[in-house]
Amino acid sequence: MNINAELEAFCTYLETVKRASQNTILSYRRDLHQMQEYLEKEGIWDLTKVTKTSLNSYILYLEQQGKATATISRMLASGKAFFHYEFSKGNIHQDPAE
């Protein structure tokens, strides 16, 4: 399952169902695309291959990049919302962000 396509579907969901503001959608899109870039660098292109370990590695990566704690928390909240959405749609069988 292609991560990029699912990220765009999630952003559409935020806009049409959740009626999120454009700023909120832009923030989610930015945070999630950064996560996607990291995962792809790690060789993870398929949404079903994302694990708790890969997400923990991402957190460590963000810390090593000098990201502020508040920024990391926001990025994690974006990831949690995305994976919860994917789990609720049945696209993944386990939520790696839980």
C-alpha atoms as a PDB file:
ATOM      1  CA  MET A   1       0.000   0.000   0.000  1.00  0.00           C
ATOM      2  CA  ASN A   2       1.592   3.250  -1.212  1.00  0.00           C
ATOM      3  CA  ILE A   3       2.305   5.672   1.624  1.00  0.00           C
ATOM      4  CA  ASN A   4       2.076   8.811  -0.505  1.00  0.00           C
ATOM      5  CA  ALA A   5      -1.358   7.934  -1.908  1.00  0.00           C
ATOM      6  CA  GLU A   6      -2.642   7.206   1.594  1.00  0.00           C
ATOM      7  CA  LEU A   7      -1.258  10.487   2.940  1.00  0.00           C
ATOM      8  CA  GLU A   8      -3.180  12.368   0.276  1.00  0.00           C
ATOM      9  CA  ALA A   9      -6.343  10.373   1.034  1.00  0.00           C
ATOM     10  CA  PHE A  10      -5.928  11.251   4.709  1.00  0.00           C
ATOM     11  CA  CYS A  11      -5.573  14.960   3.903  1.00  0.00           C
ATOM     12  CA  THR A  12      -8.717  14.770   1.779  1.00  0.00           C
ATOM     13  CA  TYR A  13     -10.489  13.118   4.723  1.00  0.00           C
ATOM     14  CA  LEU A  14      -9.332  15.939   7.013  1.00  0.00           C
ATOM     15  CA  GLU A  15     -10.735  18.486   4.584  1.00  0.00           C
ATOM     16  CA  THR A  16     -14.029  16.866   3.621  1.00  0.00           C
ATOM     17  CA  VAL A  17     -15.066  14.873   6.700  1.00  0.00           C
ATOM     18  CA  LYS A  18     -13.311  16.585   9.589  1.00  0.00           C
ATOM     19  CA  ARG A  19     -13.605  20.029   7.979  1.00  0.00           C
ATOM     20  CA  ALA A  20     -10.145  20.952   9.249  1.00  0.00           C
ATOM     21  CA  SER A  21      -8.737  24.370   8.429  1.00  0.00           C
ATOM     22  CA  GLN A  22      -6.282  24.765   5.561  1.00  0.00           C
ATOM     23  CA  ASN A  23      -3.517  25.568   8.061  1.00  0.00           C
ATOM     24  CA  THR A  24      -4.207  22.338   9.935  1.00  0.00           C
ATOM     25  CA  ILE A  25      -4.208  20.321   6.717  1.00  0.00           C
ATOM     26  CA  LEU A  26      -0.945  21.947   5.593  1.00  0.00           C
ATOM     27  CA  SER A  27       0.654  21.132   8.953  1.00  0.00           C
ATOM     28  CA  TYR A  28      -0.447  17.499   8.803  1.00  0.00           C
ATOM     29  CA  ARG A  29       0.716  17.201   5.191  1.00  0.00           C
ATOM     30  CA  ARG A  30       4.130  18.687   6.000  1.00  0.00           C
ATOM     31  CA  ASP A  31       4.644  16.510   9.094  1.00  0.00           C
ATOM     32  CA  LEU A  32       3.504  13.340   7.355  1.00  0.00           C
ATOM     33  CA  HIS A  33       5.598  13.937   4.247  1.00  0.00           C
ATOM     34  CA  GLN A  34       8.661  14.381   6.454  1.00  0.00           C
ATOM     35  CA  MET A  35       7.866  11.049   8.094  1.00  0.00           C
ATOM     36  CA  GLN A  36       7.354   9.499   4.654  1.00  0.00           C
ATOM     37  CA  GLU A  37      10.746  10.768   3.467  1.00  0.00           C
ATOM     38  CA  TYR A  38      12.434   9.254   6.518  1.00  0.00           C
ATOM     39  CA  LEU A  39      10.668   5.915   6.073  1.00  0.00           C
ATOM     40  CA  GLU A  40      11.568   5.773   2.387  1.00  0.00           C
ATOM     41  CA  LYS A  41      15.229   6.470   3.236  1.00  0.00           C
ATOM     42  CA  GLU A  42      14.960   3.466   5.532  1.00  0.00           C
ATOM     43  CA  GLY A  43      13.578   1.379   2.668  1.00  0.00           C
ATOM     44  CA  ILE A  44       9.945   1.403   3.803  1.00  0.00           C
ATOM     45  CA  TRP A  45       7.663   2.230   0.886  1.00  0.00           C
ATOM     46  CA  ASP A  46       4.673   0.151   1.916  1.00  0.00           C
ATOM     47  CA  LEU A  47       2.362   1.377   4.674  1.00  0.00           C
ATOM     48  CA  THR A  48       1.872  -2.152   5.969  1.00  0.00           C
ATOM     49  CA  LYS A  49       5.628  -2.429   6.652  1.00  0.00           C
ATOM     50  CA  VAL A  50       5.721   0.448   9.161  1.00  0.00           C
ATOM     51  CA  THR A  51       6.413  -0.858  12.677  1.00  0.00           C
ATOM     52  CA  LYS A  52       6.694   0.560  16.183  1.00  0.00           C
ATOM     53  CA  THR A  53      10.452   0.136  15.827  1.00  0.00           C
ATOM     54  CA  SER A  54      10.590   2.208  12.644  1.00  0.00           C
ATOM     55  CA  LEU A  55       8.525   4.954  14.295  1.00  0.00           C
ATOM     56  CA  ASN A  56      10.766   4.909  17.376  1.00  0.00           C
ATOM     57  CA  SER A  57      13.770   5.253  15.059  1.00  0.00           C
ATOM     58  CA  TYR A  58      12.045   8.227  13.458  1.00  0.00           C
ATOM     59  CA  ILE A  59      11.640   9.884  16.867  1.00  0.00           C
ATOM     60  CA  LEU A  60      15.350   9.369  17.580  1.00  0.00           C
ATOM     61  CA  TYR A  61      16.167  10.820  14.170  1.00  0.00           C
ATOM     62  CA  LEU A  62      14.091  13.933  14.922  1.00  0.00           C
ATOM     63  CA  GLU A  63      15.866  14.341  18.267  1.00  0.00           C
ATOM     64  CA  GLN A  64      19.257  14.005  16.561  1.00  0.00           C
ATOM     65  CA  GLN A  65      18.189  16.685  14.084  1.00  0.00           C
ATOM     66  CA  GLY A  66      17.713  19.037  17.034  1.00  0.00           C
ATOM     67  CA  LYS A  67      13.950  19.351  16.707  1.00  0.00           C
ATOM     68  CA  ALA A  68      12.243  20.940  19.690  1.00  0.00           C
ATOM     69  CA  THR A  69      10.211  18.716  21.996  1.00  0.00           C
ATOM     70  CA  ALA A  70       7.012  20.560  21.039  1.00  0.00           C
ATOM     71  CA  THR A  71       7.759  20.023  17.336  1.00  0.00           C
ATOM     72  CA  ILE A  72       8.377  16.310  17.856  1.00  0.00           C
ATOM     73  CA  SER A  73       5.141  16.027  19.861  1.00  0.00           C
ATOM     74  CA  ARG A  74       3.187  17.719  17.066  1.00  0.00           C
ATOM     75  CA  MET A  75       4.762  15.473  14.438  1.00  0.00           C
ATOM     76  CA  LEU A  76       3.923  12.403  16.520  1.00  0.00           C
ATOM     77  CA  ALA A  77       0.324  13.574  16.916  1.00  0.00           C
ATOM     78  CA  SER A  78       0.086  13.873  13.124  1.00  0.00           C
ATOM     79  CA  GLY A  79       1.475  10.359  12.719  1.00  0.00           C
ATOM     80  CA  LYS A  80      -0.859   8.917  15.350  1.00  0.00           C
ATOM     81  CA  ALA A  81      -3.892  10.470  13.652  1.00  0.00           C
ATOM     82  CA  PHE A  82      -2.776   9.122  10.281  1.00  0.00           C
ATOM     83  CA  PHE A  83      -2.172   5.559  11.493  1.00  0.00           C
ATOM     84  CA  HIS A  84      -5.431   5.564  13.467  1.00  0.00           C
ATOM     85  CA  TYR A  85      -7.225   6.588  10.264  1.00  0.00           C
ATOM     86  CA  GLU A  86      -5.499   3.819   8.289  1.00  0.00           C
ATOM     87  CA  PHE A  87      -6.320   1.225  10.971  1.00  0.00           C
ATOM     88  CA  SER A  88      -9.968   2.310  11.102  1.00  0.00           C
ATOM     89  CA  LYS A  89     -10.187   1.957   7.306  1.00  0.00           C
ATOM     90  CA  GLY A  90      -8.771  -1.574   7.554  1.00  0.00           C
ATOM     91  CA  ASN A  91      -5.700  -0.702   5.487  1.00  0.00           C
ATOM     92  CA  ILE A  92      -3.380  -1.868   8.251  1.00  0.00           C
ATOM     93  CA  HIS A  93      -4.024  -4.681  10.721  1.00  0.00           C
ATOM     94  CA  GLN A  94      -2.031  -3.153  13.555  1.00  0.00           C
ATOM     95  CA  ASP A  95      -1.551   0.484  14.496  1.00  0.00           C
ATOM     96  CA  PRO A  96       2.220   1.017  14.844  1.00  0.00           C
ATOM     97  CA  ALA A  97       1.704   4.400  16.538  1.00  0.00           C
ATOM     98  CA  GLU A  98      -0.226   2.922  19.477  1.00  0.00           C
END
